[in-house]
Amino acid sequence: MSITEFCTTDVECVEKNSSVIQAARIMRESHVGDVVICSKESGVSKPIGILTDRDIVVGVVALEIPLETVRVEDVMTPTLVTVNRNAGVYETIHLMETYGVRRLPVVDDEGGLVGIVSSGDLLELLGQEISALSRLSARQKMKEQEIRV
């Protein structure tokens, strides 16, 4: 099962020279906690950074920096960790754990943006799988009773 089956494909992107205010408005309007910073190369959007609502609060608001003066590139996380669209769920979880990130842009083999996956997305998926496993014992017991009657 590749991660593209679970990632969000409608990703909000901004350019690095966008204002933090623009990025925050996009997050608010789209009800998301992040925007991916992309550069266009040969018509392909390639992720180069990520900006989260937490980056804005901790890196700008808490320091009382006037928002009008701050560009996305000033506070974005520039060392971006991505996951290939063919990666599996457990490989994705391992990347998140290794790098201490809760969101990973999903890219194709050429580095083009395909989507984004969050730890919340994976928790929801794994929760459903655990729930299915928890029902297995009861189902097995019912099957046994049907066969033995």
C-alpha atoms as a PDB file:
ATOM      1  CA  MET A   1       0.000   0.000   0.000  1.00  0.00           C
ATOM      2  CA  SER A   2       1.635   3.261  -1.090  1.00  0.00           C
ATOM      3  CA  ILE A   3       1.326   6.468   0.878  1.00  0.00           C
ATOM      4  CA  THR A   4      -0.498   8.158  -2.018  1.00  0.00           C
ATOM      5  CA  GLU A   5      -3.591   6.206  -1.003  1.00  0.00           C
ATOM      6  CA  PHE A   6      -3.724   8.167   2.267  1.00  0.00           C
ATOM      7  CA  CYS A   7      -2.162  11.534   1.548  1.00  0.00           C
ATOM      8  CA  THR A   8      -4.027  14.764   0.913  1.00  0.00           C
ATOM      9  CA  THR A   9      -3.582  15.780  -2.709  1.00  0.00           C
ATOM     10  CA  ASP A  10      -5.063  19.265  -2.385  1.00  0.00           C
ATOM     11  CA  VAL A  11      -1.955  20.958  -0.970  1.00  0.00           C
ATOM     12  CA  GLU A  12      -1.728  24.681  -0.321  1.00  0.00           C
ATOM     13  CA  CYS A  13       1.480  26.113  -1.771  1.00  0.00           C
ATOM     14  CA  VAL A  14       3.129  29.515  -1.603  1.00  0.00           C
ATOM     15  CA  GLU A  15       6.359  30.976  -2.929  1.00  0.00           C
ATOM     16  CA  LYS A  16       9.216  31.740  -0.572  1.00  0.00           C
ATOM     17  CA  ASN A  17       8.914  35.486  -1.093  1.00  0.00           C
ATOM     18  CA  SER A  18       5.243  35.501  -0.033  1.00  0.00           C
ATOM     19  CA  SER A  19       4.392  37.336   3.172  1.00  0.00           C
ATOM     20  CA  VAL A  20       3.698  35.396   6.342  1.00  0.00           C
ATOM     21  CA  ILE A  21       0.347  37.185   6.479  1.00  0.00           C
ATOM     22  CA  GLN A  22      -0.567  35.758   3.037  1.00  0.00           C
ATOM     23  CA  ALA A  23       0.456  32.279   4.157  1.00  0.00           C
ATOM     24  CA  ALA A  24      -1.554  32.577   7.383  1.00  0.00           C
ATOM     25  CA  ARG A  25      -4.624  33.706   5.445  1.00  0.00           C
ATOM     26  CA  ILE A  26      -4.320  30.716   3.121  1.00  0.00           C
ATOM     27  CA  MET A  27      -4.074  28.403   6.142  1.00  0.00           C
ATOM     28  CA  ARG A  28      -7.150  30.006   7.708  1.00  0.00           C
ATOM     29  CA  GLU A  29      -9.244  29.933   4.522  1.00  0.00           C
ATOM     30  CA  SER A  30      -8.267  26.341   3.748  1.00  0.00           C
ATOM     31  CA  HIS A  31      -8.507  25.116   7.348  1.00  0.00           C
ATOM     32  CA  VAL A  32      -4.983  23.683   7.281  1.00  0.00           C
ATOM     33  CA  GLY A  33      -2.022  24.021   9.618  1.00  0.00           C
ATOM     34  CA  ASP A  34       0.663  24.321   6.977  1.00  0.00           C
ATOM     35  CA  VAL A  35       1.604  25.509   3.518  1.00  0.00           C
ATOM     36  CA  VAL A  36       4.281  23.964   1.362  1.00  0.00           C
ATOM     37  CA  ILE A  37       6.777  26.360  -0.158  1.00  0.00           C
ATOM     38  CA  CYS A  38       7.261  25.470  -3.808  1.00  0.00           C
ATOM     39  CA  SER A  39       9.411  26.589  -6.686  1.00  0.00           C
ATOM     40  CA  LYS A  40       8.394  26.031 -10.284  1.00  0.00           C
ATOM     41  CA  GLU A  41      10.905  24.109 -12.369  1.00  0.00           C
ATOM     42  CA  SER A  42       9.869  23.329 -15.941  1.00  0.00           C
ATOM     43  CA  GLY A  43       6.220  23.776 -14.958  1.00  0.00           C
ATOM     44  CA  VAL A  44       6.509  21.346 -12.039  1.00  0.00           C
ATOM     45  CA  SER A  45       5.924  22.480  -8.448  1.00  0.00           C
ATOM     46  CA  LYS A  46       8.819  21.226  -6.359  1.00  0.00           C
ATOM     47  CA  PRO A  47       8.658  21.593  -2.582  1.00  0.00           C
ATOM     48  CA  ILE A  48      11.575  23.485  -1.036  1.00  0.00           C
ATOM     49  CA  GLY A  49      10.235  24.150   2.455  1.00  0.00           C
ATOM     50  CA  ILE A  50       7.238  24.052   4.740  1.00  0.00           C
ATOM     51  CA  LEU A  51       5.632  26.656   6.976  1.00  0.00           C
ATOM     52  CA  THR A  52       3.342  25.657   9.817  1.00  0.00           C
ATOM     53  CA  ASP A  53       1.030  27.652  12.019  1.00  0.00           C
ATOM     54  CA  ARG A  54       3.394  26.803  14.869  1.00  0.00           C
ATOM     55  CA  ASP A  55       6.353  28.288  12.946  1.00  0.00           C
ATOM     56  CA  ILE A  56       4.430  31.556  12.706  1.00  0.00           C
ATOM     57  CA  VAL A  57       3.464  31.609  16.377  1.00  0.00           C
ATOM     58  CA  VAL A  58       6.845  30.568  17.788  1.00  0.00           C
ATOM     59  CA  GLY A  59       9.079  32.255  15.213  1.00  0.00           C
ATOM     60  CA  VAL A  60       7.229  35.530  14.702  1.00  0.00           C
ATOM     61  CA  VAL A  61       4.313  36.258  17.037  1.00  0.00           C
ATOM     62  CA  ALA A  62       6.060  35.163  20.261  1.00  0.00           C
ATOM     63  CA  LEU A  63       9.056  37.329  19.363  1.00  0.00           C
ATOM     64  CA  GLU A  64       6.749  40.292  18.672  1.00  0.00           C
ATOM     65  CA  ILE A  65       8.166  40.765  15.179  1.00  0.00           C
ATOM     66  CA  PRO A  66       5.880  42.953  13.038  1.00  0.00           C
ATOM     67  CA  LEU A  67       4.136  40.533  10.687  1.00  0.00           C
ATOM     68  CA  GLU A  68       4.195  42.979   7.769  1.00  0.00           C
ATOM     69  CA  THR A  69       7.979  42.696   7.557  1.00  0.00           C
ATOM     70  CA  VAL A  70       8.277  38.913   7.529  1.00  0.00           C
ATOM     71  CA  ARG A  71       8.502  36.749   4.421  1.00  0.00           C
ATOM     72  CA  VAL A  72       7.799  33.033   4.347  1.00  0.00           C
ATOM     73  CA  GLU A  73      11.464  32.255   3.657  1.00  0.00           C
ATOM     74  CA  ASP A  74      12.401  33.981   6.939  1.00  0.00           C
ATOM     75  CA  VAL A  75      10.564  31.436   9.106  1.00  0.00           C
ATOM     76  CA  MET A  76       9.911  28.365   6.951  1.00  0.00           C
ATOM     77  CA  THR A  77      11.601  25.076   7.683  1.00  0.00           C
ATOM     78  CA  PRO A  78      14.107  24.955   4.829  1.00  0.00           C
ATOM     79  CA  THR A  79      15.530  21.488   5.450  1.00  0.00           C
ATOM     80  CA  LEU A  80      12.547  19.724   4.026  1.00  0.00           C
ATOM     81  CA  VAL A  81      12.033  16.018   4.503  1.00  0.00           C
ATOM     82  CA  THR A  82       9.851  14.439   1.828  1.00  0.00           C
ATOM     83  CA  VAL A  83       8.535  10.965   1.160  1.00  0.00           C
ATOM     84  CA  ASN A  84       8.327   9.298  -2.241  1.00  0.00           C
ATOM     85  CA  ARG A  85       4.824   8.476  -3.416  1.00  0.00           C
ATOM     86  CA  ASN A  86       5.734   4.790  -3.638  1.00  0.00           C
ATOM     87  CA  ALA A  87       6.757   4.588   0.030  1.00  0.00           C
ATOM     88  CA  GLY A  88       4.681   2.507   2.376  1.00  0.00           C
ATOM     89  CA  VAL A  89       2.955   3.553   5.579  1.00  0.00           C
ATOM     90  CA  TYR A  90       5.643   2.191   7.880  1.00  0.00           C
ATOM     91  CA  GLU A  91       8.463   3.783   5.879  1.00  0.00           C
ATOM     92  CA  THR A  92       6.607   7.091   6.161  1.00  0.00           C
ATOM     93  CA  ILE A  93       6.162   6.683   9.913  1.00  0.00           C
ATOM     94  CA  HIS A  94       9.860   5.869  10.233  1.00  0.00           C
ATOM     95  CA  LEU A  95      10.794   9.075   8.370  1.00  0.00           C
ATOM     96  CA  MET A  96       8.521  11.135  10.636  1.00  0.00           C
ATOM     97  CA  GLU A  97      10.021   9.551  13.734  1.00  0.00           C
ATOM     98  CA  THR A  98      13.622   9.878  12.523  1.00  0.00           C
ATOM     99  CA  TYR A  99      13.317  13.549  11.610  1.00  0.00           C
ATOM    100  CA  GLY A 100      10.803  14.573  14.281  1.00  0.00           C
ATOM    101  CA  VAL A 101       8.228  15.935  11.842  1.00  0.00           C
ATOM    102  CA  ARG A 102       4.455  15.558  11.785  1.00  0.00           C
ATOM    103  CA  ARG A 103       3.943  16.404   8.110  1.00  0.00           C
ATOM    104  CA  LEU A 104       5.685  15.135   5.001  1.00  0.00           C
ATOM    105  CA  PRO A 105       5.215  16.406   1.477  1.00  0.00           C
ATOM    106  CA  VAL A 106       4.750  13.474  -0.899  1.00  0.00           C
ATOM    107  CA  VAL A 107       6.770  13.712  -4.109  1.00  0.00           C
ATOM    108  CA  ASP A 108       7.066  11.804  -7.355  1.00  0.00           C
ATOM    109  CA  ASP A 109      10.321  10.370  -8.725  1.00  0.00           C
ATOM    110  CA  GLU A 110      11.268  13.764 -10.196  1.00  0.00           C
ATOM    111  CA  GLY A 111      10.652  15.607  -6.923  1.00  0.00           C
ATOM    112  CA  GLY A 112       7.326  17.114  -7.991  1.00  0.00           C
ATOM    113  CA  LEU A 113       4.719  17.681  -5.297  1.00  0.00           C
ATOM    114  CA  VAL A 114       1.990  15.008  -5.258  1.00  0.00           C
ATOM    115  CA  GLY A 115       0.437  15.579  -1.836  1.00  0.00           C
ATOM    116  CA  ILE A 116       1.077  15.827   1.880  1.00  0.00           C
ATOM    117  CA  VAL A 117       0.637  13.304   4.673  1.00  0.00           C
ATOM    118  CA  SER A 118       0.340  14.137   8.349  1.00  0.00           C
ATOM    119  CA  SER A 119       0.730  12.109  11.496  1.00  0.00           C
ATOM    120  CA  GLY A 120      -3.014  12.648  12.004  1.00  0.00           C
ATOM    121  CA  ASP A 121      -3.741  10.999   8.655  1.00  0.00           C
ATOM    122  CA  LEU A 122      -1.672   7.995   9.684  1.00  0.00           C
ATOM    123  CA  LEU A 123      -3.203   7.826  13.171  1.00  0.00           C
ATOM    124  CA  GLU A 124      -6.654   7.718  11.609  1.00  0.00           C
ATOM    125  CA  LEU A 125      -5.627   4.931   9.238  1.00  0.00           C
ATOM    126  CA  LEU A 126      -3.927   2.883  11.943  1.00  0.00           C
ATOM    127  CA  GLY A 127      -6.862   3.431  14.298  1.00  0.00           C
ATOM    128  CA  GLN A 128      -9.179   1.925  11.709  1.00  0.00           C
ATOM    129  CA  GLU A 129      -6.846  -1.042  11.256  1.00  0.00           C
ATOM    130  CA  ILE A 130      -6.587  -1.629  15.008  1.00  0.00           C
ATOM    131  CA  SER A 131     -10.363  -1.452  15.289  1.00  0.00           C
ATOM    132  CA  ALA A 132     -10.692  -4.072  12.558  1.00  0.00           C
ATOM    133  CA  LEU A 133      -8.226  -6.313  14.392  1.00  0.00           C
ATOM    134  CA  SER A 134     -10.100  -5.896  17.662  1.00  0.00           C
ATOM    135  CA  ARG A 135     -13.293  -7.190  16.030  1.00  0.00           C
ATOM    136  CA  LEU A 136     -11.479 -10.246  14.692  1.00  0.00           C
ATOM    137  CA  SER A 137     -11.695 -12.315  17.888  1.00  0.00           C
ATOM    138  CA  ALA A 138     -15.460 -11.863  18.207  1.00  0.00           C
ATOM    139  CA  ARG A 139     -15.933 -12.691  14.533  1.00  0.00           C
ATOM    140  CA  GLN A 140     -13.774 -15.790  14.819  1.00  0.00           C
ATOM    141  CA  LYS A 141     -15.801 -16.960  17.809  1.00  0.00           C
ATOM    142  CA  MET A 142     -19.080 -16.507  15.870  1.00  0.00           C
ATOM    143  CA  LYS A 143     -17.672 -18.434  12.897  1.00  0.00           C
ATOM    144  CA  GLU A 144     -16.609 -21.270  15.176  1.00  0.00           C
ATOM    145  CA  GLN A 145     -20.069 -21.465  16.723  1.00  0.00           C
ATOM    146  CA  GLU A 146     -21.701 -21.586  13.272  1.00  0.00           C
ATOM    147  CA  ILE A 147     -19.422 -24.423  12.181  1.00  0.00           C
ATOM    148  CA  ARG A 148     -19.773 -26.486  15.358  1.00  0.00           C
ATOM    149  CA  VAL A 149     -23.569 -26.256  15.622  1.00  0.00           C
END
